[in-house]
N, C-alpha and C. Protein backbone atom coordinates (compact mmCIF):
# COMPACT_ATOMS: atom_id res chain seq x y z
N MET A 1 0.83 -1.19 0.00
CA MET A 1 0.00 0.00 0.00
C MET A 1 0.87 1.25 0.00
N ALA A 2 0.38 2.27 -0.63
CA ALA A 2 1.13 3.52 -0.71
C ALA A 2 1.06 4.26 0.63
N LYS A 3 2.12 4.99 0.92
CA LYS A 3 2.18 5.78 2.14
C LYS A 3 1.33 7.04 1.94
N ILE A 4 0.47 7.34 2.92
CA ILE A 4 -0.40 8.50 2.85
C ILE A 4 -0.01 9.47 3.96
N ASN A 5 0.24 10.70 3.60
CA ASN A 5 0.51 11.75 4.58
C ASN A 5 -0.60 12.78 4.47
N LEU A 6 -1.36 12.90 5.51
CA LEU A 6 -2.48 13.82 5.54
C LEU A 6 -2.12 15.02 6.41
N LYS A 7 -2.34 16.23 5.90
CA LYS A 7 -2.09 17.45 6.66
C LYS A 7 -3.28 18.38 6.49
N ILE A 8 -3.74 18.94 7.59
CA ILE A 8 -4.83 19.92 7.58
C ILE A 8 -4.31 21.14 8.33
N LYS A 9 -4.11 22.22 7.61
CA LYS A 9 -3.47 23.41 8.17
C LYS A 9 -4.51 24.35 8.77
N GLY A 10 -4.21 24.85 9.95
CA GLY A 10 -5.03 25.84 10.62
C GLY A 10 -4.14 26.89 11.25
N LYS A 11 -4.74 27.75 12.07
CA LYS A 11 -3.99 28.78 12.80
C LYS A 11 -4.46 28.73 14.24
N PRO A 12 -3.68 28.55 15.20
CA PRO A 12 -2.23 28.35 15.24
C PRO A 12 -1.82 26.88 15.19
N VAL A 13 -2.82 25.96 15.13
CA VAL A 13 -2.48 24.54 15.11
C VAL A 13 -2.88 23.90 13.79
N SER A 14 -2.25 22.78 13.51
CA SER A 14 -2.57 21.98 12.34
C SER A 14 -2.69 20.53 12.77
N LEU A 15 -3.25 19.72 11.87
CA LEU A 15 -3.41 18.30 12.10
C LEU A 15 -2.59 17.56 11.05
N ARG A 16 -2.00 16.43 11.43
CA ARG A 16 -1.20 15.67 10.46
C ARG A 16 -1.16 14.19 10.83
N SER A 17 -0.83 13.38 9.82
CA SER A 17 -0.60 11.95 10.03
C SER A 17 0.55 11.78 11.00
N LEU A 18 0.55 10.66 11.69
CA LEU A 18 1.61 10.40 12.67
C LEU A 18 2.85 9.79 12.04
N LEU A 19 3.97 10.06 12.68
CA LEU A 19 5.26 9.50 12.29
C LEU A 19 5.75 8.62 13.44
N GLU A 20 6.66 7.68 13.13
CA GLU A 20 7.23 6.85 14.20
C GLU A 20 7.88 7.69 15.29
N THR A 21 8.43 8.83 14.91
CA THR A 21 9.11 9.71 15.87
C THR A 21 8.14 10.45 16.80
N ASP A 22 6.84 10.30 16.59
CA ASP A 22 5.84 10.93 17.47
C ASP A 22 5.57 10.10 18.71
N ASP A 23 6.16 8.91 18.79
CA ASP A 23 5.83 8.01 19.89
C ASP A 23 6.09 8.64 21.27
N LEU A 24 7.21 9.32 21.43
CA LEU A 24 7.55 9.88 22.74
C LEU A 24 6.60 11.01 23.14
N SER A 25 6.27 11.90 22.21
CA SER A 25 5.38 13.01 22.58
C SER A 25 3.96 12.50 22.87
N ILE A 26 3.49 11.50 22.13
CA ILE A 26 2.17 10.92 22.43
C ILE A 26 2.21 10.29 23.82
N TYR A 27 3.25 9.51 24.06
CA TYR A 27 3.39 8.85 25.36
C TYR A 27 3.44 9.86 26.51
N GLN A 28 4.22 10.93 26.36
CA GLN A 28 4.38 11.92 27.42
C GLN A 28 3.03 12.53 27.83
N HIS A 29 2.14 12.75 26.86
CA HIS A 29 0.82 13.33 27.18
C HIS A 29 -0.17 12.27 27.63
N ALA A 30 -0.19 11.12 26.93
CA ALA A 30 -1.20 10.10 27.20
C ALA A 30 -0.94 9.32 28.48
N LYS A 31 0.25 9.42 29.05
CA LYS A 31 0.50 8.72 30.32
C LYS A 31 -0.11 9.49 31.50
N ASP A 32 -0.55 10.73 31.26
CA ASP A 32 -1.19 11.54 32.30
C ASP A 32 -2.63 11.03 32.51
N PRO A 33 -2.94 10.49 33.69
CA PRO A 33 -4.29 9.94 33.91
C PRO A 33 -5.40 10.97 33.70
N ALA A 34 -5.14 12.24 33.95
CA ALA A 34 -6.17 13.26 33.75
C ALA A 34 -6.49 13.43 32.26
N VAL A 35 -5.50 13.28 31.40
CA VAL A 35 -5.70 13.44 29.96
C VAL A 35 -6.56 12.32 29.40
N ILE A 36 -6.33 11.11 29.85
CA ILE A 36 -7.05 9.97 29.28
C ILE A 36 -8.18 9.46 30.18
N LYS A 37 -8.57 10.24 31.16
CA LYS A 37 -9.57 9.83 32.14
C LYS A 37 -10.84 9.29 31.49
N TYR A 38 -11.35 9.95 30.47
CA TYR A 38 -12.60 9.54 29.82
C TYR A 38 -12.36 9.01 28.41
N THR A 39 -11.26 8.31 28.21
CA THR A 39 -10.98 7.68 26.92
C THR A 39 -10.88 6.18 27.12
N SER A 40 -10.77 5.46 26.03
CA SER A 40 -10.60 4.01 26.09
C SER A 40 -9.12 3.62 26.00
N LEU A 41 -8.22 4.58 26.14
CA LEU A 41 -6.79 4.28 26.07
C LEU A 41 -6.37 3.40 27.24
N PRO A 42 -5.35 2.54 27.03
CA PRO A 42 -4.88 1.65 28.11
C PRO A 42 -4.35 2.43 29.30
N ARG A 43 -4.53 1.82 30.48
CA ARG A 43 -4.03 2.39 31.72
C ARG A 43 -3.22 1.33 32.44
N PRO A 44 -2.01 1.59 32.84
CA PRO A 44 -1.23 2.80 32.54
C PRO A 44 -0.81 2.80 31.08
N TYR A 45 -0.65 3.99 30.52
CA TYR A 45 -0.26 4.13 29.12
C TYR A 45 1.25 4.01 29.03
N LYS A 46 1.72 3.14 28.14
CA LYS A 46 3.15 2.87 27.99
C LYS A 46 3.65 3.33 26.64
N LEU A 47 4.95 3.49 26.52
CA LEU A 47 5.57 3.87 25.25
C LEU A 47 5.24 2.85 24.17
N SER A 48 5.17 1.59 24.52
CA SER A 48 4.81 0.55 23.55
C SER A 48 3.39 0.75 23.03
N ASN A 49 2.48 1.28 23.86
CA ASN A 49 1.12 1.58 23.40
C ASN A 49 1.14 2.65 22.33
N ALA A 50 1.98 3.67 22.52
CA ALA A 50 2.08 4.75 21.53
C ALA A 50 2.63 4.21 20.21
N ARG A 51 3.62 3.35 20.28
CA ARG A 51 4.22 2.79 19.06
C ARG A 51 3.22 1.92 18.30
N GLU A 52 2.48 1.11 19.02
CA GLU A 52 1.46 0.27 18.39
C GLU A 52 0.35 1.12 17.78
N PHE A 53 -0.06 2.17 18.51
CA PHE A 53 -1.09 3.07 18.01
C PHE A 53 -0.66 3.72 16.70
N ILE A 54 0.57 4.18 16.62
CA ILE A 54 1.07 4.83 15.41
C ILE A 54 0.99 3.86 14.23
N GLN A 55 1.39 2.62 14.43
CA GLN A 55 1.31 1.62 13.35
C GLN A 55 -0.14 1.40 12.92
N ASN A 56 -1.05 1.32 13.89
CA ASN A 56 -2.47 1.12 13.56
C ASN A 56 -3.05 2.30 12.81
N THR A 57 -2.61 3.52 13.15
CA THR A 57 -3.15 4.69 12.45
C THR A 57 -2.79 4.67 10.98
N LYS A 58 -1.61 4.16 10.66
CA LYS A 58 -1.17 4.09 9.26
C LYS A 58 -2.06 3.14 8.47
N LEU A 59 -2.35 1.99 9.04
CA LEU A 59 -3.22 1.02 8.37
C LEU A 59 -4.63 1.58 8.22
N ASN A 60 -5.15 2.20 9.29
CA ASN A 60 -6.49 2.78 9.24
C ASN A 60 -6.59 3.88 8.19
N LEU A 61 -5.54 4.69 8.06
CA LEU A 61 -5.53 5.75 7.07
C LEU A 61 -5.52 5.18 5.65
N GLN A 62 -4.72 4.16 5.44
CA GLN A 62 -4.66 3.55 4.11
C GLN A 62 -5.98 2.90 3.71
N THR A 63 -6.66 2.29 4.66
CA THR A 63 -7.94 1.63 4.37
C THR A 63 -9.12 2.58 4.52
N LYS A 64 -8.86 3.80 4.98
CA LYS A 64 -9.88 4.84 5.18
C LYS A 64 -10.95 4.43 6.19
N LYS A 65 -10.56 3.59 7.15
CA LYS A 65 -11.47 3.20 8.23
C LYS A 65 -11.50 4.26 9.32
N ALA A 66 -10.37 4.96 9.47
CA ALA A 66 -10.25 6.01 10.48
C ALA A 66 -9.16 6.98 10.05
N PHE A 67 -9.32 8.22 10.47
CA PHE A 67 -8.36 9.28 10.19
C PHE A 67 -7.93 9.83 11.54
N GLU A 68 -6.81 9.28 12.08
CA GLU A 68 -6.31 9.62 13.41
C GLU A 68 -5.13 10.55 13.22
N LEU A 69 -5.31 11.80 13.61
CA LEU A 69 -4.33 12.84 13.31
C LEU A 69 -3.78 13.48 14.57
N GLY A 70 -2.49 13.77 14.52
CA GLY A 70 -1.85 14.47 15.62
C GLY A 70 -2.10 15.97 15.52
N ILE A 71 -2.24 16.60 16.66
CA ILE A 71 -2.41 18.05 16.74
C ILE A 71 -1.05 18.64 17.09
N HIS A 72 -0.64 19.68 16.35
CA HIS A 72 0.64 20.32 16.66
C HIS A 72 0.55 21.81 16.34
N PHE A 73 1.39 22.58 17.04
CA PHE A 73 1.50 23.99 16.72
C PHE A 73 2.22 24.13 15.39
N ASN A 74 1.86 25.14 14.62
CA ASN A 74 2.46 25.33 13.29
C ASN A 74 3.96 25.59 13.36
N ASN A 75 4.43 26.20 14.43
CA ASN A 75 5.86 26.50 14.52
C ASN A 75 6.67 25.38 15.18
N LYS A 76 5.98 24.30 15.60
CA LYS A 76 6.65 23.13 16.19
C LYS A 76 5.98 21.89 15.60
N ASN A 77 6.73 20.82 15.52
CA ASN A 77 6.17 19.60 14.94
C ASN A 77 5.78 18.58 16.00
N GLN A 78 5.95 18.90 17.28
CA GLN A 78 5.65 17.96 18.36
C GLN A 78 4.14 17.81 18.54
N ILE A 79 3.70 16.57 18.66
CA ILE A 79 2.28 16.28 18.87
C ILE A 79 1.89 16.66 20.30
N ILE A 80 0.80 17.44 20.41
CA ILE A 80 0.31 17.86 21.73
C ILE A 80 -1.04 17.22 22.06
N GLY A 81 -1.59 16.51 21.10
CA GLY A 81 -2.88 15.85 21.30
C GLY A 81 -3.26 15.07 20.06
N MET A 82 -4.41 14.44 20.12
CA MET A 82 -4.90 13.64 19.00
C MET A 82 -6.36 13.98 18.73
N ILE A 83 -6.74 13.88 17.46
CA ILE A 83 -8.14 14.01 17.06
C ILE A 83 -8.38 13.02 15.93
N SER A 84 -9.54 12.39 15.96
CA SER A 84 -9.80 11.31 15.02
C SER A 84 -11.23 11.33 14.51
N LEU A 85 -11.37 10.89 13.27
CA LEU A 85 -12.65 10.46 12.74
C LEU A 85 -12.54 8.95 12.63
N MET A 86 -13.37 8.24 13.38
CA MET A 86 -13.30 6.79 13.46
C MET A 86 -14.62 6.19 12.99
N GLU A 87 -14.62 4.88 12.84
CA GLU A 87 -15.85 4.20 12.42
C GLU A 87 -16.44 4.87 11.18
N VAL A 88 -15.56 5.26 10.25
CA VAL A 88 -16.00 5.94 9.04
C VAL A 88 -16.89 5.00 8.24
N ASP A 89 -18.11 5.44 7.96
CA ASP A 89 -19.11 4.65 7.24
C ASP A 89 -19.44 5.37 5.93
N PRO A 90 -18.75 5.02 4.83
CA PRO A 90 -18.97 5.73 3.58
C PRO A 90 -20.38 5.54 3.01
N GLN A 91 -21.00 4.40 3.27
CA GLN A 91 -22.34 4.16 2.75
C GLN A 91 -23.36 5.09 3.40
N ASN A 92 -23.29 5.21 4.72
CA ASN A 92 -24.24 6.06 5.44
C ASN A 92 -23.69 7.46 5.70
N LYS A 93 -22.48 7.71 5.23
CA LYS A 93 -21.85 9.04 5.28
C LYS A 93 -21.79 9.62 6.69
N ASN A 94 -21.31 8.79 7.64
CA ASN A 94 -21.12 9.30 9.00
C ASN A 94 -19.86 8.71 9.60
N ALA A 95 -19.42 9.34 10.69
CA ALA A 95 -18.22 8.91 11.41
C ALA A 95 -18.30 9.42 12.84
N GLU A 96 -17.49 8.81 13.70
CA GLU A 96 -17.41 9.23 15.10
C GLU A 96 -16.15 10.06 15.29
N ILE A 97 -16.26 11.12 16.07
CA ILE A 97 -15.10 11.95 16.41
C ILE A 97 -14.63 11.60 17.82
N GLY A 98 -13.32 11.63 18.00
CA GLY A 98 -12.73 11.42 19.32
C GLY A 98 -11.49 12.30 19.43
N PHE A 99 -11.11 12.67 20.65
CA PHE A 99 -9.98 13.59 20.83
C PHE A 99 -9.47 13.57 22.25
N TRP A 100 -8.22 13.99 22.40
CA TRP A 100 -7.61 14.28 23.70
C TRP A 100 -6.49 15.30 23.46
N LEU A 101 -6.14 16.02 24.51
CA LEU A 101 -5.14 17.08 24.43
C LEU A 101 -4.29 17.08 25.70
N GLY A 102 -2.97 17.30 25.54
CA GLY A 102 -2.07 17.39 26.69
C GLY A 102 -2.57 18.43 27.68
N ARG A 103 -2.47 18.12 28.97
CA ARG A 103 -3.07 18.96 30.01
C ARG A 103 -2.62 20.41 29.98
N GLN A 104 -1.33 20.67 29.69
CA GLN A 104 -0.85 22.06 29.71
C GLN A 104 -1.46 22.91 28.59
N TYR A 105 -2.18 22.29 27.65
CA TYR A 105 -2.79 23.01 26.53
C TYR A 105 -4.30 23.18 26.68
N TRP A 106 -4.85 22.72 27.80
CA TRP A 106 -6.29 22.84 28.04
C TRP A 106 -6.69 24.31 28.18
N ARG A 107 -7.91 24.60 27.81
CA ARG A 107 -8.56 25.91 27.96
C ARG A 107 -7.82 27.04 27.25
N LYS A 108 -7.26 26.73 26.07
CA LYS A 108 -6.56 27.74 25.27
C LYS A 108 -7.16 27.86 23.87
N GLY A 109 -8.29 27.19 23.62
CA GLY A 109 -8.94 27.25 22.31
C GLY A 109 -8.34 26.31 21.27
N ILE A 110 -7.35 25.53 21.66
CA ILE A 110 -6.66 24.65 20.72
C ILE A 110 -7.59 23.56 20.21
N MET A 111 -8.30 22.91 21.11
CA MET A 111 -9.16 21.81 20.69
C MET A 111 -10.36 22.31 19.91
N THR A 112 -10.83 23.51 20.20
CA THR A 112 -11.92 24.09 19.42
C THR A 112 -11.51 24.19 17.96
N GLU A 113 -10.30 24.68 17.71
CA GLU A 113 -9.83 24.79 16.33
C GLU A 113 -9.61 23.41 15.72
N ALA A 114 -9.05 22.49 16.47
CA ALA A 114 -8.81 21.14 15.95
C ALA A 114 -10.12 20.47 15.54
N VAL A 115 -11.15 20.63 16.37
CA VAL A 115 -12.47 20.05 16.03
C VAL A 115 -13.00 20.67 14.74
N LYS A 116 -12.93 21.98 14.63
CA LYS A 116 -13.40 22.65 13.40
C LYS A 116 -12.62 22.17 12.18
N LEU A 117 -11.31 21.99 12.33
CA LEU A 117 -10.49 21.53 11.20
C LEU A 117 -10.90 20.13 10.75
N ILE A 118 -11.09 19.23 11.70
CA ILE A 118 -11.42 17.86 11.30
C ILE A 118 -12.87 17.77 10.81
N LEU A 119 -13.76 18.61 11.33
CA LEU A 119 -15.12 18.64 10.80
C LEU A 119 -15.11 19.10 9.35
N GLY A 120 -14.33 20.14 9.05
CA GLY A 120 -14.21 20.60 7.67
C GLY A 120 -13.71 19.50 6.75
N PHE A 121 -12.72 18.76 7.21
CA PHE A 121 -12.19 17.63 6.44
C PHE A 121 -13.27 16.57 6.23
N GLY A 122 -13.97 16.23 7.31
CA GLY A 122 -15.00 15.19 7.22
C GLY A 122 -16.14 15.56 6.30
N PHE A 123 -16.61 16.79 6.42
CA PHE A 123 -17.75 17.20 5.60
C PHE A 123 -17.36 17.51 4.16
N ASN A 124 -16.19 18.10 3.94
CA ASN A 124 -15.80 18.52 2.60
C ASN A 124 -15.05 17.45 1.82
N GLN A 125 -13.99 16.88 2.40
CA GLN A 125 -13.20 15.88 1.66
C GLN A 125 -13.84 14.50 1.68
N LEU A 126 -14.36 14.09 2.84
CA LEU A 126 -14.95 12.75 2.93
C LEU A 126 -16.43 12.72 2.56
N GLN A 127 -17.01 13.91 2.39
CA GLN A 127 -18.43 14.03 2.02
C GLN A 127 -19.37 13.38 3.03
N LEU A 128 -19.00 13.49 4.32
CA LEU A 128 -19.87 12.97 5.37
C LEU A 128 -21.08 13.88 5.53
N VAL A 129 -22.16 13.32 6.05
CA VAL A 129 -23.38 14.09 6.31
C VAL A 129 -23.56 14.30 7.81
N ARG A 130 -23.04 13.35 8.60
CA ARG A 130 -23.22 13.40 10.07
C ARG A 130 -21.94 12.93 10.75
N ILE A 131 -21.53 13.66 11.77
CA ILE A 131 -20.41 13.28 12.62
C ILE A 131 -20.93 13.28 14.05
N TYR A 132 -20.64 12.20 14.76
CA TYR A 132 -21.19 12.04 16.10
C TYR A 132 -20.09 11.78 17.13
N ALA A 133 -20.44 11.93 18.38
CA ALA A 133 -19.52 11.68 19.49
C ALA A 133 -20.28 11.03 20.63
N ASN A 134 -19.62 10.10 21.29
CA ASN A 134 -20.14 9.50 22.52
C ASN A 134 -19.28 10.00 23.67
N VAL A 135 -19.86 10.80 24.53
CA VAL A 135 -19.12 11.41 25.63
C VAL A 135 -19.48 10.70 26.93
N MET A 136 -18.46 10.20 27.63
CA MET A 136 -18.71 9.57 28.92
C MET A 136 -19.15 10.63 29.92
N HIS A 137 -20.31 10.41 30.51
CA HIS A 137 -20.78 11.32 31.55
C HIS A 137 -20.10 10.91 32.85
N PRO A 138 -19.42 11.80 33.53
CA PRO A 138 -19.56 13.24 33.64
C PRO A 138 -18.45 14.07 32.98
N ASN A 139 -18.07 13.78 31.75
CA ASN A 139 -17.03 14.54 31.07
C ASN A 139 -17.63 15.85 30.52
N THR A 140 -17.81 16.80 31.41
CA THR A 140 -18.47 18.05 31.03
C THR A 140 -17.60 18.91 30.10
N ALA A 141 -16.29 18.80 30.21
CA ALA A 141 -15.41 19.61 29.34
C ALA A 141 -15.60 19.22 27.87
N SER A 142 -15.65 17.93 27.59
CA SER A 142 -15.85 17.50 26.20
C SER A 142 -17.26 17.85 25.72
N ALA A 143 -18.24 17.71 26.59
CA ALA A 143 -19.61 18.06 26.21
C ALA A 143 -19.70 19.55 25.86
N ARG A 144 -19.09 20.40 26.65
CA ARG A 144 -19.10 21.85 26.37
C ARG A 144 -18.38 22.16 25.07
N LEU A 145 -17.24 21.50 24.82
CA LEU A 145 -16.51 21.71 23.58
C LEU A 145 -17.36 21.35 22.38
N LEU A 146 -18.02 20.22 22.43
CA LEU A 146 -18.87 19.81 21.31
C LEU A 146 -19.99 20.81 21.08
N GLU A 147 -20.64 21.25 22.15
CA GLU A 147 -21.71 22.25 22.01
C GLU A 147 -21.17 23.55 21.42
N LYS A 148 -19.99 23.95 21.86
CA LYS A 148 -19.36 25.18 21.37
C LYS A 148 -19.06 25.09 19.88
N THR A 149 -18.77 23.90 19.38
CA THR A 149 -18.41 23.74 17.97
C THR A 149 -19.60 23.32 17.11
N GLY A 150 -20.82 23.39 17.65
CA GLY A 150 -22.02 23.19 16.85
C GLY A 150 -22.73 21.86 16.99
N PHE A 151 -22.24 20.98 17.84
CA PHE A 151 -22.89 19.70 18.05
C PHE A 151 -24.15 19.87 18.89
N ASP A 152 -25.13 19.01 18.65
CA ASP A 152 -26.34 18.96 19.47
C ASP A 152 -26.36 17.65 20.24
N CYS A 153 -26.87 17.70 21.46
CA CYS A 153 -27.02 16.49 22.25
C CYS A 153 -28.28 15.78 21.79
N GLU A 154 -28.11 14.53 21.34
CA GLU A 154 -29.24 13.74 20.84
C GLU A 154 -29.87 12.90 21.93
N GLY A 155 -29.13 12.62 22.98
CA GLY A 155 -29.70 11.81 24.03
C GLY A 155 -28.65 11.20 24.93
N ARG A 156 -29.12 10.33 25.78
CA ARG A 156 -28.28 9.70 26.80
C ARG A 156 -28.48 8.19 26.73
N LEU A 157 -27.39 7.47 26.65
CA LEU A 157 -27.43 6.01 26.71
C LEU A 157 -27.01 5.62 28.13
N ARG A 158 -27.96 5.18 28.90
CA ARG A 158 -27.70 4.89 30.31
C ARG A 158 -26.84 3.65 30.49
N GLN A 159 -25.85 3.78 31.37
CA GLN A 159 -24.92 2.70 31.71
C GLN A 159 -24.44 1.98 30.45
N ALA A 160 -23.99 2.74 29.49
CA ALA A 160 -23.57 2.21 28.19
C ALA A 160 -22.14 1.70 28.18
N VAL A 161 -21.33 2.13 29.16
CA VAL A 161 -19.91 1.74 29.15
C VAL A 161 -19.45 1.47 30.58
N TYR A 162 -18.71 0.37 30.71
CA TYR A 162 -18.09 0.04 32.00
C TYR A 162 -16.67 0.58 31.94
N HIS A 163 -16.38 1.60 32.73
CA HIS A 163 -15.12 2.33 32.63
C HIS A 163 -14.50 2.52 34.00
N ASN A 164 -13.28 2.03 34.16
CA ASN A 164 -12.54 2.16 35.42
C ASN A 164 -13.36 1.69 36.63
N GLY A 165 -14.02 0.55 36.47
CA GLY A 165 -14.72 -0.05 37.60
C GLY A 165 -16.10 0.50 37.88
N GLN A 166 -16.65 1.31 36.98
CA GLN A 166 -18.00 1.82 37.21
C GLN A 166 -18.75 1.97 35.88
N TRP A 167 -20.06 1.91 35.98
CA TRP A 167 -20.90 2.10 34.80
C TRP A 167 -21.12 3.59 34.59
N LEU A 168 -20.88 4.02 33.36
CA LEU A 168 -21.10 5.43 33.00
C LEU A 168 -22.09 5.52 31.84
N ASP A 169 -22.79 6.63 31.79
CA ASP A 169 -23.68 6.91 30.68
C ASP A 169 -22.88 7.49 29.53
N TYR A 170 -23.38 7.31 28.33
CA TYR A 170 -22.86 8.02 27.16
C TYR A 170 -23.84 9.13 26.82
N LEU A 171 -23.32 10.33 26.63
CA LEU A 171 -24.10 11.42 26.06
C LEU A 171 -23.79 11.39 24.57
N VAL A 172 -24.81 11.29 23.74
CA VAL A 172 -24.63 11.18 22.30
C VAL A 172 -24.83 12.56 21.68
N TYR A 173 -23.79 13.02 20.98
CA TYR A 173 -23.81 14.31 20.30
C TYR A 173 -23.65 14.08 18.81
N SER A 174 -24.17 15.01 18.02
CA SER A 174 -23.92 14.95 16.58
C SER A 174 -23.99 16.35 15.98
N ILE A 175 -23.38 16.45 14.81
CA ILE A 175 -23.47 17.65 14.00
C ILE A 175 -23.70 17.20 12.56
N LEU A 176 -24.58 17.89 11.88
CA LEU A 176 -24.85 17.60 10.48
C LEU A 176 -24.11 18.58 9.59
N LYS A 177 -23.82 18.15 8.39
CA LYS A 177 -23.11 19.02 7.45
C LYS A 177 -23.86 20.34 7.28
N THR A 178 -25.17 20.29 7.27
CA THR A 178 -25.97 21.51 7.08
C THR A 178 -25.84 22.48 8.25
N GLY A 179 -25.40 22.00 9.42
CA GLY A 179 -25.25 22.87 10.58
C GLY A 179 -23.82 23.29 10.86
N PHE A 180 -22.88 22.85 10.02
CA PHE A 180 -21.47 23.12 10.25
C PHE A 180 -21.08 24.52 9.78
N LYS A 181 -20.39 25.26 10.66
CA LYS A 181 -19.86 26.58 10.32
C LYS A 181 -18.34 26.47 10.30
N PRO A 182 -17.73 26.50 9.11
CA PRO A 182 -16.28 26.32 9.02
C PRO A 182 -15.50 27.51 9.61
N LEU A 183 -14.22 27.26 9.87
CA LEU A 183 -13.34 28.32 10.35
C LEU A 183 -13.20 29.37 9.26
N VAL A 184 -13.14 30.62 9.66
CA VAL A 184 -12.94 31.70 8.72
C VAL A 184 -11.45 32.03 8.71
N SER A 185 -10.85 32.00 7.52
CA SER A 185 -9.39 32.26 7.41
C SER A 185 -9.07 33.72 7.52
């Protein structure tokens, strides 16, 4: 299979395909329990997990099953977080969004821009009609981010996931292409 390098440029951050050399920066952020608290990432997160993840992202990108992209500042190439379109369903034109960001970058508007960038990619390049998210309740920060970027809460799936020894609800969010407002350059 041919090597695919995907880049989505924004200001001040951009999204890009992962490289083998991203393993350490992914590991440094993802080993923080607060960063991955409401994700399905392994606990404790190890450097080997980052290396395996990078290899899987390459296969997923080639098969177009998922688009897992690193978030980085334009003036630096170090990955500070991840954002993904997963479970890409070309027949029904929908996909699931997922994301995490290194703790020192929280509440700076970085993830808001990253979400807008990947939504633009999903709606314009992939021709998706609907992008959805399942947010573990009580992850209020992710719920607020989704609402801020145009997602609507469709409902609650009670005790939908067993996470860290307890049953949590999923809050189901979605945004339709018709409701998407792209970033203004």
